[in-house]
Amino acid sequence: MEWIDGAKLTDVTGTASNTGEESSTVEENLALVKVAIDSTLSQLLVEGILHADPHAGNLLKVKLEDDSVTLGYLDFGIVSTIPEQ
């Protein structure tokens, strides 16, 4: 198990000091939501792995050392494999 520092994708207020920053945060978070959707579908349809609990509380925006952001998945307590048909 590993600790991941990050922010909830639903957290857009309180971290932004003005409307421009808040708008940028919303756009950044929405881009990560798209990554989450693409990742979830790829895991399921390509890899045959199902993370059964990918809600907003289990997805974090993680800031990297180069100030870019990436998606962090949490809580792999319910994972299943889907057999090929």
PDB file of N, CA and C in Angstrom:
ATOM      1  N   MET A   1       0.846  -1.168   0.000  1.00  0.00           N
ATOM      2  CA  MET A   1       0.000   0.000   0.000  1.00  0.00           C
ATOM      3  C   MET A   1       0.897   1.238   0.000  1.00  0.00           C
ATOM      4  N   GLU A   2       0.404   2.285  -0.645  1.00  0.00           N
ATOM      5  CA  GLU A   2       1.186   3.508  -0.795  1.00  0.00           C
ATOM      6  C   GLU A   2       0.296   4.722  -0.554  1.00  0.00           C
ATOM      7  N   TRP A   3       0.845   5.749   0.091  1.00  0.00           N
ATOM      8  CA  TRP A   3       0.108   6.985   0.321  1.00  0.00           C
ATOM      9  C   TRP A   3       0.222   7.854  -0.923  1.00  0.00           C
ATOM     10  N   ILE A   4      -0.893   8.440  -1.356  1.00  0.00           N
ATOM     11  CA  ILE A   4      -0.898   9.337  -2.503  1.00  0.00           C
ATOM     12  C   ILE A   4      -1.456  10.678  -2.053  1.00  0.00           C
ATOM     13  N   ASP A   5      -0.672  11.749  -2.226  1.00  0.00           N
ATOM     14  CA  ASP A   5      -1.158  13.098  -1.952  1.00  0.00           C
ATOM     15  C   ASP A   5      -1.866  13.617  -3.185  1.00  0.00           C
ATOM     16  N   GLY A   6      -3.054  14.161  -2.994  1.00  0.00           N
ATOM     17  CA  GLY A   6      -3.785  14.701  -4.124  1.00  0.00           C
ATOM     18  C   GLY A   6      -5.030  15.420  -3.664  1.00  0.00           C
ATOM     19  N   ALA A   7      -5.768  15.920  -4.633  1.00  0.00           N
ATOM     20  CA  ALA A   7      -7.007  16.642  -4.359  1.00  0.00           C
ATOM     21  C   ALA A   7      -8.162  15.932  -5.049  1.00  0.00           C
ATOM     22  N   LYS A   8      -9.321  15.994  -4.437  1.00  0.00           N
ATOM     23  CA  LYS A   8     -10.513  15.415  -5.055  1.00  0.00           C
ATOM     24  C   LYS A   8     -10.828  16.163  -6.349  1.00  0.00           C
ATOM     25  N   LEU A   9     -11.312  15.458  -7.327  1.00  0.00           N
ATOM     26  CA  LEU A   9     -11.680  16.094  -8.589  1.00  0.00           C
ATOM     27  C   LEU A   9     -12.889  17.012  -8.429  1.00  0.00           C
ATOM     28  N   THR A  10     -13.645  16.818  -7.370  1.00  0.00           N
ATOM     29  CA  THR A  10     -14.813  17.662  -7.119  1.00  0.00           C
ATOM     30  C   THR A  10     -14.452  18.935  -6.369  1.00  0.00           C
ATOM     31  N   ASP A  11     -13.206  19.056  -5.901  1.00  0.00           N
ATOM     32  CA  ASP A  11     -12.773  20.210  -5.118  1.00  0.00           C
ATOM     33  C   ASP A  11     -12.268  21.313  -6.044  1.00  0.00           C
ATOM     34  N   VAL A  12     -13.148  22.268  -6.381  1.00  0.00           N
ATOM     35  CA  VAL A  12     -12.761  23.364  -7.257  1.00  0.00           C
ATOM     36  C   VAL A  12     -12.829  24.712  -6.552  1.00  0.00           C
ATOM     37  N   THR A  13     -13.446  24.764  -5.384  1.00  0.00           N
ATOM     38  CA  THR A  13     -13.476  26.003  -4.624  1.00  0.00           C
ATOM     39  C   THR A  13     -12.544  25.860  -3.444  1.00  0.00           C
ATOM     40  N   GLY A  14     -12.099  26.963  -2.924  1.00  0.00           N
ATOM     41  CA  GLY A  14     -11.225  26.925  -1.763  1.00  0.00           C
ATOM     42  C   GLY A  14      -9.756  26.827  -2.144  1.00  0.00           C
ATOM     43  N   THR A  15      -9.438  26.275  -3.318  1.00  0.00           N
ATOM     44  CA  THR A  15      -8.046  26.217  -3.751  1.00  0.00           C
ATOM     45  C   THR A  15      -7.750  27.327  -4.746  1.00  0.00           C
ATOM     46  N   ALA A  16      -8.773  27.934  -5.291  1.00  0.00           N
ATOM     47  CA  ALA A  16      -8.584  28.986  -6.290  1.00  0.00           C
ATOM     48  C   ALA A  16      -8.824  30.343  -5.646  1.00  0.00           C
ATOM     49  N   SER A  17      -7.922  31.282  -5.911  1.00  0.00           N
ATOM     50  CA  SER A  17      -8.046  32.593  -5.289  1.00  0.00           C
ATOM     51  C   SER A  17      -8.911  33.550  -6.101  1.00  0.00           C
ATOM     52  N   ASN A  18      -9.137  33.243  -7.369  1.00  0.00           N
ATOM     53  CA  ASN A  18     -10.024  34.092  -8.170  1.00  0.00           C
ATOM     54  C   ASN A  18     -10.734  33.257  -9.223  1.00  0.00           C
ATOM     55  N   THR A  19     -11.661  33.873  -9.925  1.00  0.00           N
ATOM     56  CA  THR A  19     -12.500  33.151 -10.878  1.00  0.00           C
ATOM     57  C   THR A  19     -11.683  32.518 -11.997  1.00  0.00           C
ATOM     58  N   GLY A  20     -10.643  33.194 -12.483  1.00  0.00           N
ATOM     59  CA  GLY A  20      -9.809  32.649 -13.548  1.00  0.00           C
ATOM     60  C   GLY A  20      -9.135  31.354 -13.136  1.00  0.00           C
ATOM     61  N   GLU A  21      -8.602  31.324 -11.926  1.00  0.00           N
ATOM     62  CA  GLU A  21      -7.965  30.103 -11.429  1.00  0.00           C
ATOM     63  C   GLU A  21      -8.988  29.003 -11.220  1.00  0.00           C
ATOM     64  N   GLU A  22     -10.166  29.363 -10.731  1.00  0.00           N
ATOM     65  CA  GLU A  22     -11.208  28.372 -10.515  1.00  0.00           C
ATOM     66  C   GLU A  22     -11.643  27.769 -11.846  1.00  0.00           C
ATOM     67  N   SER A  23     -11.786  28.591 -12.865  1.00  0.00           N
ATOM     68  CA  SER A  23     -12.161  28.107 -14.194  1.00  0.00           C
ATOM     69  C   SER A  23     -11.092  27.158 -14.739  1.00  0.00           C
ATOM     70  N   SER A  24      -9.835  27.507 -14.535  1.00  0.00           N
ATOM     71  CA  SER A  24      -8.728  26.660 -14.984  1.00  0.00           C
ATOM     72  C   SER A  24      -8.736  25.329 -14.239  1.00  0.00           C
ATOM     73  N   THR A  25      -9.032  25.373 -12.940  1.00  0.00           N
ATOM     74  CA  THR A  25      -9.104  24.157 -12.133  1.00  0.00           C
ATOM     75  C   THR A  25     -10.231  23.259 -12.610  1.00  0.00           C
ATOM     76  N   VAL A  26     -11.375  23.848 -12.927  1.00  0.00           N
ATOM     77  CA  VAL A  26     -12.517  23.072 -13.432  1.00  0.00           C
ATOM     78  C   VAL A  26     -12.133  22.396 -14.743  1.00  0.00           C
ATOM     79  N   GLU A  27     -11.509  23.129 -15.659  1.00  0.00           N
ATOM     80  CA  GLU A  27     -11.100  22.555 -16.941  1.00  0.00           C
ATOM     81  C   GLU A  27     -10.091  21.425 -16.741  1.00  0.00           C
ATOM     82  N   GLU A  28      -9.133  21.639 -15.850  1.00  0.00           N
ATOM     83  CA  GLU A  28      -8.130  20.616 -15.553  1.00  0.00           C
ATOM     84  C   GLU A  28      -8.791  19.367 -14.973  1.00  0.00           C
ATOM     85  N   ASN A  29      -9.723  19.566 -14.059  1.00  0.00           N
ATOM     86  CA  ASN A  29     -10.416  18.438 -13.437  1.00  0.00           C
ATOM     87  C   ASN A  29     -11.292  17.692 -14.437  1.00  0.00           C
ATOM     88  N   LEU A  30     -11.958  18.431 -15.317  1.00  0.00           N
ATOM     89  CA  LEU A  30     -12.786  17.778 -16.338  1.00  0.00           C
ATOM     90  C   LEU A  30     -11.922  16.954 -17.295  1.00  0.00           C
ATOM     91  N   ALA A  31     -10.734  17.449 -17.607  1.00  0.00           N
ATOM     92  CA  ALA A  31      -9.813  16.674 -18.446  1.00  0.00           C
ATOM     93  C   ALA A  31      -9.424  15.379 -17.739  1.00  0.00           C
ATOM     94  N   LEU A  32      -9.222  15.440 -16.421  1.00  0.00           N
ATOM     95  CA  LEU A  32      -8.890  14.229 -15.668  1.00  0.00           C
ATOM     96  C   LEU A  32     -10.083  13.283 -15.558  1.00  0.00           C
ATOM     97  N   VAL A  33     -11.293  13.821 -15.523  1.00  0.00           N
ATOM     98  CA  VAL A  33     -12.489  12.967 -15.540  1.00  0.00           C
ATOM     99  C   VAL A  33     -12.539  12.192 -16.854  1.00  0.00           C
ATOM    100  N   LYS A  34     -12.204  12.849 -17.956  1.00  0.00           N
ATOM    101  CA  LYS A  34     -12.154  12.162 -19.249  1.00  0.00           C
ATOM    102  C   LYS A  34     -11.091  11.058 -19.220  1.00  0.00           C
ATOM    103  N   VAL A  35      -9.932  11.353 -18.628  1.00  0.00           N
ATOM    104  CA  VAL A  35      -8.887  10.331 -18.487  1.00  0.00           C
ATOM    105  C   VAL A  35      -9.417   9.160 -17.660  1.00  0.00           C
ATOM    106  N   ALA A  36     -10.171   9.460 -16.591  1.00  0.00           N
ATOM    107  CA  ALA A  36     -10.734   8.405 -15.743  1.00  0.00           C
ATOM    108  C   ALA A  36     -11.705   7.532 -16.524  1.00  0.00           C
ATOM    109  N   ILE A  37     -12.547   8.157 -17.339  1.00  0.00           N
ATOM    110  CA  ILE A  37     -13.504   7.389 -18.156  1.00  0.00           C
ATOM    111  C   ILE A  37     -12.759   6.511 -19.150  1.00  0.00           C
ATOM    112  N   ASP A  38     -11.787   7.109 -19.850  1.00  0.00           N
ATOM    113  CA  ASP A  38     -10.998   6.344 -20.820  1.00  0.00           C
ATOM    114  C   ASP A  38     -10.244   5.202 -20.144  1.00  0.00           C
ATOM    115  N   SER A  39      -9.668   5.477 -18.974  1.00  0.00           N
ATOM    116  CA  SER A  39      -8.914   4.449 -18.242  1.00  0.00           C
ATOM    117  C   SER A  39      -9.813   3.312 -17.782  1.00  0.00           C
ATOM    118  N   THR A  40     -10.978   3.680 -17.245  1.00  0.00           N
ATOM    119  CA  THR A  40     -11.917   2.665 -16.763  1.00  0.00           C
ATOM    120  C   THR A  40     -12.385   1.774 -17.907  1.00  0.00           C
ATOM    121  N   LEU A  41     -12.717   2.385 -19.038  1.00  0.00           N
ATOM    122  CA  LEU A  41     -13.158   1.590 -20.194  1.00  0.00           C
ATOM    123  C   LEU A  41     -12.026   0.730 -20.746  1.00  0.00           C
ATOM    124  N   SER A  42     -10.821   1.271 -20.783  1.00  0.00           N
ATOM    125  CA  SER A  42      -9.672   0.502 -21.264  1.00  0.00           C
ATOM    126  C   SER A  42      -9.377  -0.678 -20.338  1.00  0.00           C
ATOM    127  N   GLN A  43      -9.419  -0.420 -19.027  1.00  0.00           N
ATOM    128  CA  GLN A  43      -9.193  -1.511 -18.071  1.00  0.00           C
ATOM    129  C   GLN A  43     -10.202  -2.635 -18.295  1.00  0.00           C
ATOM    130  N   LEU A  44     -11.451  -2.255 -18.496  1.00  0.00           N
ATOM    131  CA  LEU A  44     -12.518  -3.234 -18.643  1.00  0.00           C
ATOM    132  C   LEU A  44     -12.485  -3.925 -20.004  1.00  0.00           C
ATOM    133  N   LEU A  45     -12.486  -3.124 -21.068  1.00  0.00           N
ATOM    134  CA  LEU A  45     -12.662  -3.679 -22.404  1.00  0.00           C
ATOM    135  C   LEU A  45     -11.381  -4.220 -23.039  1.00  0.00           C
ATOM    136  N   VAL A  46     -10.239  -3.664 -22.682  1.00  0.00           N
ATOM    137  CA  VAL A  46      -8.978  -4.107 -23.274  1.00  0.00           C
ATOM    138  C   VAL A  46      -8.258  -5.094 -22.365  1.00  0.00           C
ATOM    139  N   GLU A  47      -8.132  -4.739 -21.096  1.00  0.00           N
ATOM    140  CA  GLU A  47      -7.364  -5.563 -20.157  1.00  0.00           C
ATOM    141  C   GLU A  47      -8.204  -6.619 -19.446  1.00  0.00           C
ATOM    142  N   GLY A  48      -9.515  -6.426 -19.403  1.00  0.00           N
ATOM    143  CA  GLY A  48     -10.378  -7.382 -18.724  1.00  0.00           C
ATOM    144  C   GLY A  48     -10.324  -7.285 -17.210  1.00  0.00           C
ATOM    145  N   ILE A  49     -10.056  -6.073 -16.710  1.00  0.00           N
ATOM    146  CA  ILE A  49      -9.982  -5.837 -15.264  1.00  0.00           C
ATOM    147  C   ILE A  49     -11.028  -4.792 -14.902  1.00  0.00           C
ATOM    148  N   LEU A  50     -11.783  -5.050 -13.853  1.00  0.00           N
ATOM    149  CA  LEU A  50     -12.849  -4.147 -13.433  1.00  0.00           C
ATOM    150  C   LEU A  50     -12.555  -3.596 -12.043  1.00  0.00           C
ATOM    151  N   HIS A  51     -12.341  -2.285 -11.946  1.00  0.00           N
ATOM    152  CA  HIS A  51     -12.297  -1.584 -10.657  1.00  0.00           C
ATOM    153  C   HIS A  51     -13.747  -1.255 -10.365  1.00  0.00           C
ATOM    154  N   ALA A  52     -14.328  -1.907  -9.385  1.00  0.00           N
ATOM    155  CA  ALA A  52     -15.779  -1.838  -9.194  1.00  0.00           C
ATOM    156  C   ALA A  52     -16.251  -0.620  -8.403  1.00  0.00           C
ATOM    157  N   ASP A  53     -15.340   0.297  -8.062  1.00  0.00           N
ATOM    158  CA  ASP A  53     -15.745   1.413  -7.214  1.00  0.00           C
ATOM    159  C   ASP A  53     -15.070   2.724  -7.631  1.00  0.00           C
ATOM    160  N   PRO A  54     -15.110   3.100  -8.929  1.00  0.00           N
ATOM    161  CA  PRO A  54     -14.404   4.309  -9.355  1.00  0.00           C
ATOM    162  C   PRO A  54     -15.234   5.592  -9.217  1.00  0.00           C
ATOM    163  N   HIS A  55     -15.646   5.925  -7.994  1.00  0.00           N
ATOM    164  CA  HIS A  55     -16.414   7.157  -7.787  1.00  0.00           C
ATOM    165  C   HIS A  55     -15.461   8.311  -7.460  1.00  0.00           C
ATOM    166  N   ALA A  56     -16.007   9.507  -7.350  1.00  0.00           N
ATOM    167  CA  ALA A  56     -15.195  10.712  -7.153  1.00  0.00           C
ATOM    168  C   ALA A  56     -14.289  10.641  -5.926  1.00  0.00           C
ATOM    169  N   GLY A  57     -14.696   9.931  -4.910  1.00  0.00           N
ATOM    170  CA  GLY A  57     -13.862   9.809  -3.713  1.00  0.00           C
ATOM    171  C   GLY A  57     -12.663   8.908  -3.910  1.00  0.00           C
ATOM    172  N   ASN A  58     -12.671   8.105  -4.958  1.00  0.00           N
ATOM    173  CA  ASN A  58     -11.557   7.189  -5.222  1.00  0.00           C
ATOM    174  C   ASN A  58     -10.679   7.644  -6.386  1.00  0.00           C
ATOM    175  N   LEU A  59     -10.877   8.866  -6.846  1.00  0.00           N
ATOM    176  CA  LEU A  59     -10.068   9.421  -7.928  1.00  0.00           C
ATOM    177  C   LEU A  59      -9.477  10.741  -7.453  1.00  0.00           C
ATOM    178  N   LEU A  60      -8.160  10.885  -7.568  1.00  0.00           N
ATOM    179  CA  LEU A  60      -7.489  12.097  -7.112  1.00  0.00           C
ATOM    180  C   LEU A  60      -6.724  12.766  -8.239  1.00  0.00           C
ATOM    181  N   LYS A  61      -6.624  14.092  -8.141  1.00  0.00           N
ATOM    182  CA  LYS A  61      -5.722  14.847  -9.004  1.00  0.00           C
ATOM    183  C   LYS A  61      -4.390  14.918  -8.267  1.00  0.00           C
ATOM    184  N   VAL A  62      -3.366  14.343  -8.877  1.00  0.00           N
ATOM    185  CA  VAL A  62      -2.057  14.260  -8.250  1.00  0.00           C
ATOM    186  C   VAL A  62      -1.094  15.185  -8.991  1.00  0.00           C
ATOM    187  N   LYS A  63      -0.481  16.103  -8.257  1.00  0.00           N
ATOM    188  CA  LYS A  63       0.490  17.027  -8.843  1.00  0.00           C
ATOM    189  C   LYS A  63       1.854  16.348  -8.870  1.00  0.00           C
ATOM    190  N   LEU A  64       2.490  16.379 -10.037  1.00  0.00           N
ATOM    191  CA  LEU A  64       3.795  15.772 -10.214  1.00  0.00           C
ATOM    192  C   LEU A  64       4.903  16.805  -9.984  1.00  0.00           C
ATOM    193  N   GLU A  65       6.141  16.340  -9.915  1.00  0.00           N
ATOM    194  CA  GLU A  65       7.270  17.228  -9.626  1.00  0.00           C
ATOM    195  C   GLU A  65       7.438  18.321 -10.673  1.00  0.00           C
ATOM    196  N   ASP A  66       7.031  18.069 -11.924  1.00  0.00           N
ATOM    197  CA  ASP A  66       7.170  19.075 -12.981  1.00  0.00           C
ATOM    198  C   ASP A  66       5.946  19.997 -13.063  1.00  0.00           C
ATOM    199  N   ASP A  67       5.101  19.978 -12.029  1.00  0.00           N
ATOM    200  CA  ASP A  67       3.878  20.789 -11.914  1.00  0.00           C
ATOM    201  C   ASP A  67       2.755  20.365 -12.849  1.00  0.00           C
ATOM    202  N   SER A  68       2.917  19.264 -13.577  1.00  0.00           N
ATOM    203  CA  SER A  68       1.803  18.718 -14.336  1.00  0.00           C
ATOM    204  C   SER A  68       0.940  17.902 -13.382  1.00  0.00           C
ATOM    205  N   VAL A  69      -0.206  17.465 -13.843  1.00  0.00           N
ATOM    206  CA  VAL A  69      -1.093  16.667 -12.997  1.00  0.00           C
ATOM    207  C   VAL A  69      -1.397  15.343 -13.678  1.00  0.00           C
ATOM    208  N   THR A  70      -1.728  14.365 -12.864  1.00  0.00           N
ATOM    209  CA  THR A  70      -2.125  13.059 -13.364  1.00  0.00           C
ATOM    210  C   THR A  70      -3.249  12.527 -12.492  1.00  0.00           C
ATOM    211  N   LEU A  71      -3.835  11.454 -12.914  1.00  0.00           N
ATOM    212  CA  LEU A  71      -4.952  10.848 -12.196  1.00  0.00           C
ATOM    213  C   LEU A  71      -4.444   9.763 -11.260  1.00  0.00           C
ATOM    214  N   GLY A  72      -4.932   9.771 -10.040  1.00  0.00           N
ATOM    215  CA  GLY A  72      -4.590   8.720  -9.081  1.00  0.00           C
ATOM    216  C   GLY A  72      -5.838   7.937  -8.707  1.00  0.00           C
ATOM    217  N   TYR A  73      -5.778   6.618  -8.865  1.00  0.00           N
ATOM    218  CA  TYR A  73      -6.875   5.732  -8.463  1.00  0.00           C
ATOM    219  C   TYR A  73      -6.634   5.256  -7.044  1.00  0.00           C
ATOM    220  N   LEU A  74      -7.691   5.191  -6.234  1.00  0.00           N
ATOM    221  CA  LEU A  74      -7.616   4.685  -4.866  1.00  0.00           C
ATOM    222  C   LEU A  74      -8.563   3.501  -4.699  1.00  0.00           C
ATOM    223  N   ASP A  75      -8.388   2.781  -3.622  1.00  0.00           N
ATOM    224  CA  ASP A  75      -9.315   1.749  -3.153  1.00  0.00           C
ATOM    225  C   ASP A  75      -9.529   0.632  -4.168  1.00  0.00           C
ATOM    226  N   PHE A  76      -8.573  -0.264  -4.210  1.00  0.00           N
ATOM    227  CA  PHE A  76      -8.683  -1.427  -5.084  1.00  0.00           C
ATOM    228  C   PHE A  76      -9.252  -2.634  -4.325  1.00  0.00           C
ATOM    229  N   GLY A  77     -10.139  -2.345  -3.368  1.00  0.00           N
ATOM    230  CA  GLY A  77     -10.730  -3.405  -2.562  1.00  0.00           C
ATOM    231  C   GLY A  77     -11.679  -4.307  -3.334  1.00  0.00           C
ATOM    232  N   ILE A  78     -12.303  -3.760  -4.359  1.00  0.00           N
ATOM    233  CA  ILE A  78     -13.218  -4.562  -5.172  1.00  0.00           C
ATOM    234  C   ILE A  78     -12.741  -4.491  -6.624  1.00  0.00           C
ATOM    235  N   VAL A  79     -11.962  -5.486  -7.007  1.00  0.00           N
ATOM    236  CA  VAL A  79     -11.441  -5.597  -8.363  1.00  0.00           C
ATOM    237  C   VAL A  79     -11.764  -6.998  -8.858  1.00  0.00           C
ATOM    238  N   SER A  80     -12.155  -7.070 -10.104  1.00  0.00           N
ATOM    239  CA  SER A  80     -12.498  -8.377 -10.681  1.00  0.00           C
ATOM    240  C   SER A  80     -11.883  -8.476 -12.062  1.00  0.00           C
ATOM    241  N   THR A  81     -11.668  -9.696 -12.498  1.00  0.00           N
ATOM    242  CA  THR A  81     -11.213  -9.914 -13.868  1.00  0.00           C
ATOM    243  C   THR A  81     -12.401 -10.411 -14.685  1.00  0.00           C
ATOM    244  N   ILE A  82     -12.429  -9.997 -15.918  1.00  0.00           N
ATOM    245  CA  ILE A  82     -13.507 -10.366 -16.829  1.00  0.00           C
ATOM    246  C   ILE A  82     -12.926 -11.338 -17.839  1.00  0.00           C
ATOM    247  N   PRO A  83     -13.431 -12.566 -17.874  1.00  0.00           N
ATOM    248  CA  PRO A  83     -12.877 -13.560 -18.812  1.00  0.00           C
ATOM    249  C   PRO A  83     -13.218 -13.201 -20.253  1.00  0.00           C
ATOM    250  N   GLU A  84     -12.306 -13.544 -21.151  1.00  0.00           N
ATOM    251  CA  GLU A  84     -12.578 -13.354 -22.576  1.00  0.00           C
ATOM    252  C   GLU A  84     -13.667 -14.306 -23.011  1.00  0.00           C
ATOM    253  N   GLN A  85     -14.511 -13.867 -23.900  1.00  0.00           N
ATOM    254  CA  GLN A  85     -15.585 -14.707 -24.413  1.00  0.00           C
ATOM    255  C   GLN A  85     -15.280 -15.135 -25.828  1.00  0.00           C
TER     256      GLN A  85
END
